[in-house]
PDB file of N, CA and C in Angstrom:
ATOM      1  N   UNK A   1      81.521  16.728 -23.743  1.00  0.00           N
ATOM      2  CA  UNK A   1      81.962  15.609 -22.921  1.00  0.00           C
ATOM      3  C   UNK A   1      83.369  15.190 -23.370  1.00  0.00           C
ATOM      4  N   UNK A   2      84.228  14.915 -22.411  1.00  0.00           N
ATOM      5  CA  UNK A   2      85.605  14.539 -22.741  1.00  0.00           C
ATOM      6  C   UNK A   2      85.710  13.045 -23.022  1.00  0.00           C
ATOM      7  N   UNK A   3      86.831  12.677 -23.623  1.00  0.00           N
ATOM      8  CA  UNK A   3      87.076  11.257 -23.928  1.00  0.00           C
ATOM      9  C   UNK A   3      87.167  10.452 -22.639  1.00  0.00           C
ATOM     10  N   UNK A   4      86.956   9.186 -22.726  1.00  0.00           N
ATOM     11  CA  UNK A   4      86.947   8.312 -21.557  1.00  0.00           C
ATOM     12  C   UNK A   4      88.296   8.263 -20.843  1.00  0.00           C
ATOM     13  N   UNK A   5      89.408   8.450 -21.589  1.00  0.00           N
ATOM     14  CA  UNK A   5      90.733   8.345 -20.994  1.00  0.00           C
ATOM     15  C   UNK A   5      91.345   9.711 -20.676  1.00  0.00           C
ATOM     16  N   UNK A   6      90.531  10.742 -20.647  1.00  0.00           N
ATOM     17  CA  UNK A   6      91.018  12.082 -20.358  1.00  0.00           C
ATOM     18  C   UNK A   6      90.631  12.458 -18.936  1.00  0.00           C
ATOM     19  N   UNK A   7      91.572  13.013 -18.206  1.00  0.00           N
ATOM     20  CA  UNK A   7      91.293  13.462 -16.849  1.00  0.00           C
ATOM     21  C   UNK A   7      90.430  14.715 -16.916  1.00  0.00           C
ATOM     22  N   UNK A   8      89.394  14.753 -16.122  1.00  0.00           N
ATOM     23  CA  UNK A   8      88.509  15.909 -16.099  1.00  0.00           C
ATOM     24  C   UNK A   8      89.249  17.132 -15.565  1.00  0.00           C
ATOM     25  N   UNK A   9      88.878  18.324 -16.023  1.00  0.00           N
ATOM     26  CA  UNK A   9      89.507  19.530 -15.489  1.00  0.00           C
ATOM     27  C   UNK A   9      89.204  19.671 -13.997  1.00  0.00           C
ATOM     28  N   UNK A  10      90.124  20.276 -13.286  1.00  0.00           N
ATOM     29  CA  UNK A  10      89.929  20.505 -11.859  1.00  0.00           C
ATOM     30  C   UNK A  10      88.801  21.508 -11.654  1.00  0.00           C
ATOM     31  N   UNK A  11      88.055  21.395 -10.576  1.00  0.00           N
ATOM     32  CA  UNK A  11      86.929  22.303 -10.347  1.00  0.00           C
ATOM     33  C   UNK A  11      87.358  23.735 -10.013  1.00  0.00           C
ATOM     34  N   UNK A  12      88.631  23.930  -9.665  1.00  0.00           N
ATOM     35  CA  UNK A  12      89.137  25.273  -9.393  1.00  0.00           C
ATOM     36  C   UNK A  12      90.624  25.305  -9.686  1.00  0.00           C
ATOM     37  N   UNK A  13      91.147  26.502  -9.885  1.00  0.00           N
ATOM     38  CA  UNK A  13      92.567  26.693 -10.181  1.00  0.00           C
ATOM     39  C   UNK A  13      93.319  26.859  -8.861  1.00  0.00           C
ATOM     40  N   UNK A  14      94.078  25.847  -8.464  1.00  0.00           N
ATOM     41  CA  UNK A  14      94.794  25.868  -7.196  1.00  0.00           C
ATOM     42  C   UNK A  14      95.776  27.028  -7.143  1.00  0.00           C
ATOM     43  N   UNK A  15      96.454  27.305  -8.263  1.00  0.00           N
ATOM     44  CA  UNK A  15      97.445  28.391  -8.240  1.00  0.00           C
ATOM     45  C   UNK A  15      96.783  29.761  -8.144  1.00  0.00           C
ATOM     46  N   UNK A  16      95.517  29.875  -8.537  1.00  0.00           N
ATOM     47  CA  UNK A  16      94.799  31.145  -8.346  1.00  0.00           C
ATOM     48  C   UNK A  16      94.466  31.332  -6.866  1.00  0.00           C
ATOM     49  N   UNK A  17      94.126  30.236  -6.198  1.00  0.00           N
ATOM     50  CA  UNK A  17      93.806  30.311  -4.769  1.00  0.00           C
ATOM     51  C   UNK A  17      95.054  30.455  -3.912  1.00  0.00           C
ATOM     52  N   UNK A  18      96.146  29.818  -4.338  1.00  0.00           N
ATOM     53  CA  UNK A  18      97.407  29.828  -3.588  1.00  0.00           C
ATOM     54  C   UNK A  18      98.548  30.182  -4.537  1.00  0.00           C
ATOM     55  N   UNK A  19      98.727  31.472  -4.840  1.00  0.00           N
ATOM     56  CA  UNK A  19      99.737  31.887  -5.812  1.00  0.00           C
ATOM     57  C   UNK A  19     101.156  31.445  -5.446  1.00  0.00           C
ATOM     58  N   UNK A  20     101.430  31.255  -4.165  1.00  0.00           N
ATOM     59  CA  UNK A  20     102.775  30.836  -3.760  1.00  0.00           C
ATOM     60  C   UNK A  20     103.104  29.422  -4.263  1.00  0.00           C
ATOM     61  N   UNK A  21     102.110  28.664  -4.675  1.00  0.00           N
ATOM     62  CA  UNK A  21     102.348  27.321  -5.203  1.00  0.00           C
ATOM     63  C   UNK A  21     102.667  27.321  -6.701  1.00  0.00           C
ATOM     64  N   UNK A  22     102.410  28.416  -7.382  1.00  0.00           N
ATOM     65  CA  UNK A  22     102.610  28.467  -8.838  1.00  0.00           C
ATOM     66  C   UNK A  22     104.020  28.068  -9.265  1.00  0.00           C
ATOM     67  N   UNK A  23     105.094  28.508  -8.571  1.00  0.00           N
ATOM     68  CA  UNK A  23     106.436  28.105  -9.012  1.00  0.00           C
ATOM     69  C   UNK A  23     106.705  26.607  -8.847  1.00  0.00           C
ATOM     70  N   UNK A  24     105.874  25.941  -8.086  1.00  0.00           N
ATOM     71  CA  UNK A  24     106.076  24.506  -7.845  1.00  0.00           C
ATOM     72  C   UNK A  24     105.299  23.633  -8.830  1.00  0.00           C
ATOM     73  N   UNK A  25     104.558  24.238  -9.725  1.00  0.00           N
ATOM     74  CA  UNK A  25     103.713  23.478 -10.653  1.00  0.00           C
ATOM     75  C   UNK A  25     104.559  22.709 -11.665  1.00  0.00           C
ATOM     76  N   UNK A  26     104.151  21.503 -11.958  1.00  0.00           N
ATOM     77  CA  UNK A  26     104.811  20.635 -12.936  1.00  0.00           C
ATOM     78  C   UNK A  26     103.746  20.042 -13.841  1.00  0.00           C
ATOM     79  N   UNK A  27     104.144  19.682 -15.032  1.00  0.00           N
ATOM     80  CA  UNK A  27     103.258  18.926 -15.911  1.00  0.00           C
ATOM     81  C   UNK A  27     103.345  17.467 -15.494  1.00  0.00           C
ATOM     82  N   UNK A  28     102.215  16.855 -15.304  1.00  0.00           N
ATOM     83  CA  UNK A  28     102.178  15.458 -14.867  1.00  0.00           C
ATOM     84  C   UNK A  28     101.628  14.574 -15.980  1.00  0.00           C
ATOM     85  N   UNK A  29     102.117  13.364 -16.023  1.00  0.00           N
ATOM     86  CA  UNK A  29     101.588  12.364 -16.942  1.00  0.00           C
ATOM     87  C   UNK A  29     100.923  11.287 -16.114  1.00  0.00           C
ATOM     88  N   UNK A  30      99.646  11.124 -16.303  1.00  0.00           N
ATOM     89  CA  UNK A  30      98.924  10.088 -15.573  1.00  0.00           C
ATOM     90  C   UNK A  30      98.906   8.822 -16.413  1.00  0.00           C
ATOM     91  N   UNK A  31      99.206   7.724 -15.779  1.00  0.00           N
ATOM     92  CA  UNK A  31      99.191   6.434 -16.466  1.00  0.00           C
ATOM     93  C   UNK A  31      97.851   5.754 -16.216  1.00  0.00           C
ATOM     94  N   UNK A  32      97.334   5.141 -17.231  1.00  0.00           N
ATOM     95  CA  UNK A  32      96.075   4.417 -17.123  1.00  0.00           C
ATOM     96  C   UNK A  32      96.353   2.957 -17.465  1.00  0.00           C
ATOM     97  N   UNK A  33      96.797   2.173 -16.486  1.00  0.00           N
ATOM     98  CA  UNK A  33      97.121   0.773 -16.790  1.00  0.00           C
ATOM     99  C   UNK A  33      95.889  -0.007 -17.236  1.00  0.00           C
ATOM    100  N   UNK A  34      96.116  -0.913 -18.114  1.00  0.00           N
ATOM    101  CA  UNK A  34      95.040  -1.768 -18.620  1.00  0.00           C
ATOM    102  C   UNK A  34      95.425  -3.223 -18.378  1.00  0.00           C
ATOM    103  N   UNK A  35      94.459  -4.067 -18.131  1.00  0.00           N
ATOM    104  CA  UNK A  35      94.774  -5.488 -17.980  1.00  0.00           C
ATOM    105  C   UNK A  35      95.404  -6.033 -19.255  1.00  0.00           C
ATOM    106  N   UNK A  36      96.303  -6.964 -19.100  1.00  0.00           N
ATOM    107  CA  UNK A  36      96.958  -7.554 -20.252  1.00  0.00           C
ATOM    108  C   UNK A  36      97.229  -9.021 -20.009  1.00  0.00           C
ATOM    109  N   UNK A  37      97.887  -9.632 -20.930  1.00  0.00           N
ATOM    110  CA  UNK A  37      98.245 -11.036 -20.813  1.00  0.00           C
ATOM    111  C   UNK A  37      99.680 -11.217 -21.294  1.00  0.00           C
ATOM    112  N   UNK A  38     100.665 -10.676 -20.522  1.00  0.00           N
ATOM    113  CA  UNK A  38     102.051 -10.829 -20.962  1.00  0.00           C
ATOM    114  C   UNK A  38     102.484 -12.278 -20.976  1.00  0.00           C
ATOM    115  N   UNK A  39     103.313 -12.605 -21.936  1.00  0.00           N
ATOM    116  CA  UNK A  39     103.853 -13.959 -22.036  1.00  0.00           C
ATOM    117  C   UNK A  39     105.249 -13.977 -21.431  1.00  0.00           C
ATOM    118  N   UNK A  40     105.927 -15.106 -21.501  1.00  0.00           N
ATOM    119  CA  UNK A  40     107.294 -15.199 -20.994  1.00  0.00           C
ATOM    120  C   UNK A  40     108.253 -14.323 -21.790  1.00  0.00           C
ATOM    121  N   UNK A  41     107.830 -13.863 -22.964  1.00  0.00           N
ATOM    122  CA  UNK A  41     108.670 -13.023 -23.813  1.00  0.00           C
ATOM    123  C   UNK A  41     108.415 -11.537 -23.591  1.00  0.00           C
ATOM    124  N   UNK A  42     107.481 -11.204 -22.705  1.00  0.00           N
ATOM    125  CA  UNK A  42     107.110  -9.820 -22.469  1.00  0.00           C
ATOM    126  C   UNK A  42     107.379  -9.424 -21.022  1.00  0.00           C
ATOM    127  N   UNK A  43     107.418  -8.136 -20.823  1.00  0.00           N
ATOM    128  CA  UNK A  43     107.531  -7.590 -19.483  1.00  0.00           C
ATOM    129  C   UNK A  43     106.343  -6.673 -19.277  1.00  0.00           C
ATOM    130  N   UNK A  44     105.770  -6.707 -18.104  1.00  0.00           N
ATOM    131  CA  UNK A  44     104.657  -5.810 -17.840  1.00  0.00           C
ATOM    132  C   UNK A  44     105.155  -4.396 -17.595  1.00  0.00           C
ATOM    133  N   UNK A  45     106.465  -4.201 -17.573  1.00  0.00           N
ATOM    134  CA  UNK A  45     107.022  -2.880 -17.306  1.00  0.00           C
ATOM    135  C   UNK A  45     107.381  -2.146 -18.594  1.00  0.00           C
ATOM    136  N   UNK A  46     108.056  -2.793 -19.502  1.00  0.00           N
ATOM    137  CA  UNK A  46     108.477  -2.042 -20.680  1.00  0.00           C
ATOM    138  C   UNK A  46     108.869  -2.872 -21.870  1.00  0.00           C
ATOM    139  N   UNK A  47     108.485  -4.111 -21.939  1.00  0.00           N
ATOM    140  CA  UNK A  47     108.831  -4.932 -23.086  1.00  0.00           C
ATOM    141  C   UNK A  47     109.696  -6.110 -22.687  1.00  0.00           C
ATOM    142  N   UNK A  48     110.147  -6.858 -23.648  1.00  0.00           N
ATOM    143  CA  UNK A  48     110.940  -8.048 -23.351  1.00  0.00           C
ATOM    144  C   UNK A  48     112.247  -7.694 -22.644  1.00  0.00           C
ATOM    145  N   UNK A  49     112.635  -8.507 -21.692  1.00  0.00           N
ATOM    146  CA  UNK A  49     113.921  -8.354 -21.035  1.00  0.00           C
ATOM    147  C   UNK A  49     114.921  -9.150 -21.861  1.00  0.00           C
ATOM    148  N   UNK A  50     115.816  -8.448 -22.512  1.00  0.00           N
ATOM    149  CA  UNK A  50     116.748  -9.104 -23.431  1.00  0.00           C
ATOM    150  C   UNK A  50     118.119  -9.230 -22.787  1.00  0.00           C
ATOM    151  N   UNK A  51     118.682 -10.406 -22.847  1.00  0.00           N
ATOM    152  CA  UNK A  51     120.031 -10.666 -22.354  1.00  0.00           C
ATOM    153  C   UNK A  51     120.767 -11.386 -23.466  1.00  0.00           C
ATOM    154  N   UNK A  52     121.971 -10.944 -23.789  1.00  0.00           N
ATOM    155  CA  UNK A  52     122.703 -11.600 -24.887  1.00  0.00           C
ATOM    156  C   UNK A  52     122.875 -13.100 -24.633  1.00  0.00           C
ATOM    157  N   UNK A  53     122.563 -13.894 -25.629  1.00  0.00           N
ATOM    158  CA  UNK A  53     122.607 -15.349 -25.490  1.00  0.00           C
ATOM    159  C   UNK A  53     124.014 -15.856 -25.198  1.00  0.00           C
ATOM    160  N   UNK A  54     125.041 -15.158 -25.686  1.00  0.00           N
ATOM    161  CA  UNK A  54     126.410 -15.629 -25.487  1.00  0.00           C
ATOM    162  C   UNK A  54     127.052 -15.040 -24.223  1.00  0.00           C
ATOM    163  N   UNK A  55     126.291 -14.303 -23.427  1.00  0.00           N
ATOM    164  CA  UNK A  55     126.818 -13.723 -22.194  1.00  0.00           C
ATOM    165  C   UNK A  55     126.205 -14.435 -20.993  1.00  0.00           C
ATOM    166  N   UNK A  56     127.043 -14.979 -20.096  1.00  0.00           N
ATOM    167  CA  UNK A  56     126.482 -15.695 -18.952  1.00  0.00           C
ATOM    168  C   UNK A  56     125.771 -14.745 -17.992  1.00  0.00           C
ATOM    169  N   UNK A  57     124.774 -15.275 -17.310  1.00  0.00           N
ATOM    170  CA  UNK A  57     124.048 -14.503 -16.312  1.00  0.00           C
ATOM    171  C   UNK A  57     124.978 -14.264 -15.127  1.00  0.00           C
ATOM    172  N   UNK A  58     125.052 -13.030 -14.604  1.00  0.00           N
ATOM    173  CA  UNK A  58     125.974 -12.760 -13.493  1.00  0.00           C
ATOM    174  C   UNK A  58     125.527 -13.444 -12.202  1.00  0.00           C
ATOM    175  N   UNK A  59     126.508 -13.895 -11.444  1.00  0.00           N
ATOM    176  CA  UNK A  59     126.208 -14.494 -10.145  1.00  0.00           C
ATOM    177  C   UNK A  59     127.442 -14.359  -9.264  1.00  0.00           C
ATOM    178  N   UNK A  60     127.239 -14.532  -7.993  1.00  0.00           N
ATOM    179  CA  UNK A  60     128.315 -14.396  -7.019  1.00  0.00           C
ATOM    180  C   UNK A  60     128.714 -15.787  -6.532  1.00  0.00           C
ATOM    181  N   UNK A  61     130.013 -16.074  -6.565  1.00  0.00           N
ATOM    182  CA  UNK A  61     130.499 -17.391  -6.144  1.00  0.00           C
ATOM    183  C   UNK A  61     130.911 -17.426  -4.677  1.00  0.00           C
ATOM    184  N   UNK A  62     130.866 -16.264  -4.001  1.00  0.00           N
ATOM    185  CA  UNK A  62     131.269 -16.203  -2.590  1.00  0.00           C
ATOM    186  C   UNK A  62     130.244 -16.923  -1.721  1.00  0.00           C
ATOM    187  N   UNK A  63     130.705 -17.554  -0.627  1.00  0.00           N
ATOM    188  CA  UNK A  63     129.742 -18.167   0.294  1.00  0.00           C
ATOM    189  C   UNK A  63     128.949 -17.073   1.020  1.00  0.00           C
ATOM    190  N   UNK A  64     127.704 -17.347   1.317  1.00  0.00           N
ATOM    191  CA  UNK A  64     126.838 -16.375   1.979  1.00  0.00           C
ATOM    192  C   UNK A  64     126.252 -16.991   3.246  1.00  0.00           C
ATOM    193  N   UNK A  65     126.254 -16.190   4.287  1.00  0.00           N
ATOM    194  CA  UNK A  65     125.580 -16.595   5.521  1.00  0.00           C
ATOM    195  C   UNK A  65     124.200 -15.964   5.478  1.00  0.00           C
ATOM    196  N   UNK A  66     123.193 -16.754   5.213  1.00  0.00           N
ATOM    197  CA  UNK A  66     121.848 -16.200   5.039  1.00  0.00           C
ATOM    198  C   UNK A  66     121.282 -15.613   6.328  1.00  0.00           C
ATOM    199  N   UNK A  67     121.928 -15.915   7.470  1.00  0.00           N
ATOM    200  CA  UNK A  67     121.461 -15.355   8.727  1.00  0.00           C
ATOM    201  C   UNK A  67     122.220 -14.091   9.111  1.00  0.00           C
ATOM    202  N   UNK A  68     123.196 -13.681   8.306  1.00  0.00           N
ATOM    203  CA  UNK A  68     124.027 -12.526   8.624  1.00  0.00           C
ATOM    204  C   UNK A  68     123.325 -11.200   8.344  1.00  0.00           C
ATOM    205  N   UNK A  69     122.353 -11.179   7.458  1.00  0.00           N
ATOM    206  CA  UNK A  69     121.671  -9.952   7.111  1.00  0.00           C
ATOM    207  C   UNK A  69     120.209 -10.025   7.500  1.00  0.00           C
ATOM    208  N   UNK A  70     119.632  -8.849   7.711  1.00  0.00           N
ATOM    209  CA  UNK A  70     118.211  -8.805   8.033  1.00  0.00           C
ATOM    210  C   UNK A  70     117.402  -9.187   6.803  1.00  0.00           C
ATOM    211  N   UNK A  71     116.351  -9.896   7.014  1.00  0.00           N
ATOM    212  CA  UNK A  71     115.471 -10.283   5.911  1.00  0.00           C
ATOM    213  C   UNK A  71     114.483  -9.164   5.683  1.00  0.00           C
ATOM    214  N   UNK A  72     114.319  -8.759   4.447  1.00  0.00           N
ATOM    215  CA  UNK A  72     113.382  -7.691   4.114  1.00  0.00           C
ATOM    216  C   UNK A  72     112.123  -8.274   3.550  1.00  0.00           C
TER     217      UNK A  72
END
């Protein structure tokens, strides 16, 4: 029996059935996200977002017409 976080082997070898796909094969990394409790000092993506304390946050001082662009 395999570990709980291991992907089970495929029931058949796709490249044996379709040899023309063999050159397209890649090694894949499957992510297994787990619930967490990030704080304001953490990022759910890759750790704390750090910005130098002595560097101002960038912003645009130009006037903007909020109706000029399509809303996404």
